Structure formats: C-alpha cells, structure tokens
Amino acid sequence: MKLLSNQFLVDYLIYSMQVELEQYTTGPHIASRLLYTAENSFDDISDKVVADFGCGCGTLGAAAALLGAKQVIGIDIDSQSLETASMNALDLELDIDLIV
C-alpha cells in the first residue's frame, strides 16, 4: 500500500497546485492512519457510503474503495484534480463517483 500511496502523491504533484484553492497533499502516513482508524475503530468504511470532499487525485477515495466501501463519492471544485482522480480510479479498476 505504501507504493500505491506514493504513486498517488506523484500523480497529484504532476500539475501545479492552485494556491487560491488552498490545495495541499495528504501524505501517505496521514492517509493510511486516517483510514485505518476510521475502519478499525469506528467501522466507517466497509459497506458504507464514503464521501471525500476536496478529493484531489482521489487517494482517500481509492483507499476507501479498496477497503470495501459500498460507494465512494469524490467531490472537488478543481476539474483538473477530478481528471487525475478519474484516471487513478480507472487504472485501479475502481468505481468512484466524481462530482465537480
């Protein structure tokens, strides 16, 4: 999973971040701890609907899908981020609904 997370980070940094949108990356360690805690402490991932607001390249949404979320919805106002998230979901053969 570490290699997968690092690839998402690289994909996210391929295009320049837009300061006015307050874009920043969620590092792999924070993302993995967040999802681990959500699933193992609160049972909030598997068989649940998961929404990722400000999804960026889709790291958290993809991980939620891999953990067995019933539905994953990624939401972002940056269409370029959504294009990247869509390509990442396609590459991983994941069903993620993306909304601008």
N, C-alpha and C. Protein backbone atom coordinates (compact mmCIF):
# COMPACT_ATOMS: atom_id res chain seq x y z
N MET A 1 0.82 -1.19 0.00
CA MET A 1 0.00 0.00 0.00
C MET A 1 0.86 1.25 0.00
N LYS A 2 2.05 1.18 0.58
CA LYS A 2 2.93 2.34 0.61
C LYS A 2 3.30 2.77 -0.80
N LEU A 3 3.64 1.80 -1.67
CA LEU A 3 3.99 2.12 -3.04
C LEU A 3 2.80 2.76 -3.76
N LEU A 4 1.61 2.24 -3.55
CA LEU A 4 0.41 2.79 -4.16
C LEU A 4 0.20 4.23 -3.71
N SER A 5 0.33 4.51 -2.43
CA SER A 5 0.15 5.85 -1.91
C SER A 5 1.17 6.81 -2.48
N ASN A 6 2.41 6.39 -2.60
CA ASN A 6 3.44 7.25 -3.16
C ASN A 6 3.16 7.57 -4.61
N GLN A 7 2.62 6.63 -5.38
CA GLN A 7 2.29 6.89 -6.77
C GLN A 7 1.20 7.95 -6.87
N PHE A 8 0.19 7.88 -5.98
CA PHE A 8 -0.85 8.90 -5.99
C PHE A 8 -0.26 10.27 -5.69
N LEU A 9 0.68 10.36 -4.78
CA LEU A 9 1.32 11.62 -4.44
C LEU A 9 2.05 12.17 -5.66
N VAL A 10 2.77 11.31 -6.38
CA VAL A 10 3.46 11.74 -7.58
C VAL A 10 2.46 12.23 -8.62
N ASP A 11 1.37 11.49 -8.83
CA ASP A 11 0.35 11.90 -9.79
C ASP A 11 -0.23 13.26 -9.41
N TYR A 12 -0.43 13.48 -8.13
CA TYR A 12 -1.03 14.73 -7.66
C TYR A 12 -0.10 15.91 -7.93
N LEU A 13 1.20 15.69 -7.82
CA LEU A 13 2.15 16.78 -7.98
C LEU A 13 2.55 17.02 -9.42
N ILE A 14 2.06 16.22 -10.36
CA ILE A 14 2.41 16.39 -11.77
C ILE A 14 1.98 17.76 -12.27
N TYR A 15 0.83 18.22 -11.86
CA TYR A 15 0.39 19.54 -12.28
C TYR A 15 0.54 20.50 -11.10
N SER A 16 0.66 21.79 -11.43
CA SER A 16 0.90 22.77 -10.37
C SER A 16 -0.34 22.97 -9.52
N MET A 17 -0.13 23.06 -8.22
CA MET A 17 -1.24 23.29 -7.31
C MET A 17 -1.68 24.75 -7.41
N GLN A 18 -2.96 24.98 -7.23
CA GLN A 18 -3.52 26.32 -7.33
C GLN A 18 -3.69 26.89 -5.92
N VAL A 19 -2.90 27.90 -5.60
CA VAL A 19 -2.88 28.47 -4.26
C VAL A 19 -4.26 28.98 -3.85
N GLU A 20 -4.98 29.58 -4.77
CA GLU A 20 -6.29 30.14 -4.43
C GLU A 20 -7.30 29.06 -4.01
N LEU A 21 -7.04 27.82 -4.37
CA LEU A 21 -7.92 26.72 -3.96
C LEU A 21 -7.44 26.06 -2.67
N GLU A 22 -6.37 26.58 -2.10
CA GLU A 22 -5.78 26.04 -0.87
C GLU A 22 -5.51 24.54 -1.00
N GLN A 23 -4.90 24.15 -2.10
CA GLN A 23 -4.60 22.75 -2.35
C GLN A 23 -3.33 22.34 -1.62
N TYR A 24 -3.37 21.19 -1.02
CA TYR A 24 -2.21 20.61 -0.37
C TYR A 24 -2.40 19.10 -0.36
N THR A 25 -1.31 18.40 -0.27
CA THR A 25 -1.39 16.94 -0.32
C THR A 25 -1.64 16.36 1.07
N THR A 26 -2.27 15.21 1.08
CA THR A 26 -2.38 14.41 2.29
C THR A 26 -1.32 13.33 2.17
N GLY A 27 -0.33 13.38 3.02
CA GLY A 27 0.76 12.42 2.93
C GLY A 27 0.29 10.99 3.16
N PRO A 28 1.05 10.03 2.65
CA PRO A 28 0.66 8.62 2.77
C PRO A 28 0.49 8.15 4.21
N HIS A 29 1.34 8.63 5.11
CA HIS A 29 1.23 8.20 6.51
C HIS A 29 -0.07 8.69 7.13
N ILE A 30 -0.40 9.95 6.92
CA ILE A 30 -1.64 10.51 7.48
C ILE A 30 -2.85 9.82 6.87
N ALA A 31 -2.82 9.63 5.54
CA ALA A 31 -3.94 8.99 4.86
C ALA A 31 -4.17 7.57 5.37
N SER A 32 -3.09 6.81 5.51
CA SER A 32 -3.25 5.44 5.97
C SER A 32 -3.73 5.38 7.42
N ARG A 33 -3.25 6.25 8.28
CA ARG A 33 -3.71 6.28 9.67
C ARG A 33 -5.18 6.70 9.77
N LEU A 34 -5.56 7.68 8.96
CA LEU A 34 -6.95 8.13 8.93
C LEU A 34 -7.89 6.99 8.56
N LEU A 35 -7.57 6.30 7.47
CA LEU A 35 -8.42 5.20 7.01
C LEU A 35 -8.39 4.01 7.97
N TYR A 36 -7.22 3.71 8.50
CA TYR A 36 -7.11 2.62 9.47
C TYR A 36 -8.00 2.89 10.68
N THR A 37 -7.91 4.10 11.21
CA THR A 37 -8.72 4.47 12.38
C THR A 37 -10.21 4.48 12.06
N ALA A 38 -10.57 5.05 10.91
CA ALA A 38 -11.99 5.09 10.52
C ALA A 38 -12.58 3.70 10.42
N GLU A 39 -11.81 2.77 9.86
CA GLU A 39 -12.33 1.41 9.67
C GLU A 39 -12.25 0.58 10.95
N ASN A 40 -11.11 0.58 11.60
CA ASN A 40 -10.90 -0.33 12.72
C ASN A 40 -11.43 0.17 14.06
N SER A 41 -11.53 1.47 14.22
CA SER A 41 -12.07 2.00 15.49
C SER A 41 -13.55 2.32 15.41
N PHE A 42 -14.01 2.71 14.21
CA PHE A 42 -15.39 3.18 14.08
C PHE A 42 -16.23 2.40 13.08
N ASP A 43 -15.61 1.45 12.36
CA ASP A 43 -16.32 0.66 11.33
C ASP A 43 -17.01 1.58 10.33
N ASP A 44 -16.28 2.61 9.86
CA ASP A 44 -16.85 3.64 9.00
C ASP A 44 -16.44 3.55 7.53
N ILE A 45 -15.91 2.44 7.08
CA ILE A 45 -15.51 2.33 5.67
C ILE A 45 -16.25 1.19 4.96
N SER A 46 -16.00 -0.05 5.36
CA SER A 46 -16.58 -1.19 4.64
C SER A 46 -18.10 -1.16 4.72
N ASP A 47 -18.70 -1.40 3.55
CA ASP A 47 -20.16 -1.42 3.38
C ASP A 47 -20.83 -0.09 3.72
N LYS A 48 -20.09 1.01 3.64
CA LYS A 48 -20.64 2.34 3.91
C LYS A 48 -20.49 3.21 2.67
N VAL A 49 -21.24 4.30 2.61
CA VAL A 49 -21.06 5.31 1.58
C VAL A 49 -20.02 6.29 2.12
N VAL A 50 -18.95 6.49 1.37
CA VAL A 50 -17.85 7.36 1.80
C VAL A 50 -17.77 8.55 0.84
N ALA A 51 -17.78 9.75 1.39
CA ALA A 51 -17.62 10.98 0.59
C ALA A 51 -16.27 11.61 0.93
N ASP A 52 -15.53 11.96 -0.09
CA ASP A 52 -14.23 12.62 0.07
C ASP A 52 -14.37 14.03 -0.49
N PHE A 53 -14.54 15.00 0.40
CA PHE A 53 -14.69 16.40 0.00
C PHE A 53 -13.30 17.00 -0.24
N GLY A 54 -13.11 17.59 -1.42
CA GLY A 54 -11.79 18.07 -1.80
C GLY A 54 -10.89 16.90 -2.11
N CYS A 55 -11.38 16.00 -2.96
CA CYS A 55 -10.73 14.70 -3.17
C CYS A 55 -9.38 14.77 -3.87
N GLY A 56 -9.09 15.86 -4.55
CA GLY A 56 -7.80 15.95 -5.24
C GLY A 56 -7.61 14.80 -6.20
N CYS A 57 -6.50 14.08 -6.08
CA CYS A 57 -6.20 12.98 -7.01
C CYS A 57 -6.91 11.69 -6.64
N GLY A 58 -7.67 11.69 -5.56
CA GLY A 58 -8.50 10.54 -5.22
C GLY A 58 -7.87 9.52 -4.30
N THR A 59 -6.80 9.88 -3.61
CA THR A 59 -6.10 8.93 -2.74
C THR A 59 -7.02 8.31 -1.70
N LEU A 60 -7.70 9.15 -0.93
CA LEU A 60 -8.55 8.63 0.15
C LEU A 60 -9.74 7.85 -0.40
N GLY A 61 -10.33 8.33 -1.46
CA GLY A 61 -11.46 7.63 -2.06
C GLY A 61 -11.06 6.27 -2.61
N ALA A 62 -9.91 6.20 -3.27
CA ALA A 62 -9.43 4.92 -3.80
C ALA A 62 -9.15 3.94 -2.66
N ALA A 63 -8.53 4.43 -1.61
CA ALA A 63 -8.24 3.55 -0.47
C ALA A 63 -9.53 3.07 0.18
N ALA A 64 -10.53 3.95 0.29
CA ALA A 64 -11.82 3.55 0.86
C ALA A 64 -12.47 2.47 -0.01
N ALA A 65 -12.38 2.63 -1.33
CA ALA A 65 -12.93 1.62 -2.24
C ALA A 65 -12.21 0.29 -2.06
N LEU A 66 -10.89 0.34 -1.92
CA LEU A 66 -10.11 -0.89 -1.72
C LEU A 66 -10.43 -1.55 -0.38
N LEU A 67 -10.86 -0.74 0.60
CA LEU A 67 -11.25 -1.28 1.91
C LEU A 67 -12.69 -1.78 1.94
N GLY A 68 -13.39 -1.70 0.81
CA GLY A 68 -14.72 -2.28 0.72
C GLY A 68 -15.88 -1.34 0.94
N ALA A 69 -15.68 -0.05 0.71
CA ALA A 69 -16.81 0.88 0.80
C ALA A 69 -17.88 0.51 -0.22
N LYS A 70 -19.15 0.64 0.19
CA LYS A 70 -20.25 0.31 -0.71
C LYS A 70 -20.28 1.28 -1.89
N GLN A 71 -20.05 2.56 -1.61
CA GLN A 71 -20.00 3.59 -2.65
C GLN A 71 -19.01 4.65 -2.21
N VAL A 72 -18.24 5.17 -3.16
CA VAL A 72 -17.30 6.24 -2.89
C VAL A 72 -17.63 7.41 -3.80
N ILE A 73 -17.74 8.59 -3.18
CA ILE A 73 -18.03 9.82 -3.92
C ILE A 73 -16.89 10.79 -3.66
N GLY A 74 -16.22 11.21 -4.73
CA GLY A 74 -15.16 12.21 -4.63
C GLY A 74 -15.68 13.54 -5.14
N ILE A 75 -15.49 14.58 -4.36
CA ILE A 75 -16.01 15.90 -4.70
C ILE A 75 -14.86 16.90 -4.69
N ASP A 76 -14.77 17.71 -5.77
CA ASP A 76 -13.73 18.73 -5.82
C ASP A 76 -14.20 19.85 -6.76
N ILE A 77 -13.70 21.06 -6.54
CA ILE A 77 -14.06 22.17 -7.42
C ILE A 77 -13.04 22.35 -8.54
N ASP A 78 -11.96 21.60 -8.49
CA ASP A 78 -10.90 21.69 -9.49
C ASP A 78 -11.06 20.56 -10.50
N SER A 79 -11.45 20.91 -11.72
CA SER A 79 -11.70 19.88 -12.73
C SER A 79 -10.43 19.12 -13.09
N GLN A 80 -9.27 19.75 -13.00
CA GLN A 80 -8.01 19.06 -13.28
C GLN A 80 -7.74 17.97 -12.24
N SER A 81 -8.06 18.25 -10.99
CA SER A 81 -7.92 17.24 -9.94
C SER A 81 -8.84 16.06 -10.21
N LEU A 82 -10.07 16.36 -10.63
CA LEU A 82 -11.03 15.29 -10.91
C LEU A 82 -10.59 14.43 -12.09
N GLU A 83 -9.95 15.04 -13.08
CA GLU A 83 -9.42 14.27 -14.20
C GLU A 83 -8.36 13.28 -13.71
N THR A 84 -7.49 13.76 -12.83
CA THR A 84 -6.45 12.89 -12.27
C THR A 84 -7.08 11.78 -11.43
N ALA A 85 -8.06 12.13 -10.62
CA ALA A 85 -8.75 11.14 -9.79
C ALA A 85 -9.43 10.09 -10.67
N SER A 86 -10.02 10.53 -11.76
CA SER A 86 -10.69 9.61 -12.68
C SER A 86 -9.70 8.65 -13.31
N MET A 87 -8.53 9.16 -13.73
CA MET A 87 -7.51 8.30 -14.32
C MET A 87 -6.99 7.30 -13.28
N ASN A 88 -6.80 7.76 -12.05
CA ASN A 88 -6.32 6.86 -10.99
C ASN A 88 -7.33 5.76 -10.71
N ALA A 89 -8.62 6.11 -10.65
CA ALA A 89 -9.66 5.11 -10.40
C ALA A 89 -9.72 4.11 -11.56
N LEU A 90 -9.59 4.61 -12.77
CA LEU A 90 -9.60 3.74 -13.94
C LEU A 90 -8.41 2.78 -13.92
N ASP A 91 -7.23 3.31 -13.61
CA ASP A 91 -6.03 2.47 -13.54
C ASP A 91 -6.17 1.37 -12.50
N LEU A 92 -6.86 1.67 -11.39
CA LEU A 92 -7.02 0.69 -10.31
C LEU A 92 -8.29 -0.14 -10.44
N GLU A 93 -9.05 0.12 -11.52
CA GLU A 93 -10.32 -0.57 -11.78
C GLU A 93 -11.28 -0.42 -10.61
N LEU A 94 -11.41 0.84 -10.12
CA LEU A 94 -12.30 1.14 -9.01
C LEU A 94 -13.47 1.98 -9.49
N ASP A 95 -14.62 1.77 -8.88
CA ASP A 95 -15.82 2.52 -9.21
C ASP A 95 -15.97 3.67 -8.20
N ILE A 96 -15.58 4.87 -8.62
CA ILE A 96 -15.66 6.05 -7.76
C ILE A 96 -16.46 7.11 -8.51
N ASP A 97 -17.51 7.64 -7.90
CA ASP A 97 -18.30 8.71 -8.48
C ASP A 97 -17.61 10.04 -8.20
N LEU A 98 -17.35 10.82 -9.25
CA LEU A 98 -16.66 12.09 -9.09
C LEU A 98 -17.59 13.24 -9.46
N ILE A 99 -17.62 14.24 -8.60
CA ILE A 99 -18.53 15.37 -8.78
C ILE A 99 -17.76 16.68 -8.68
N VAL A 100 -18.03 17.58 -9.62
CA VAL A 100 -17.41 18.92 -9.58
C VAL A 100 -18.33 19.88 -8.89
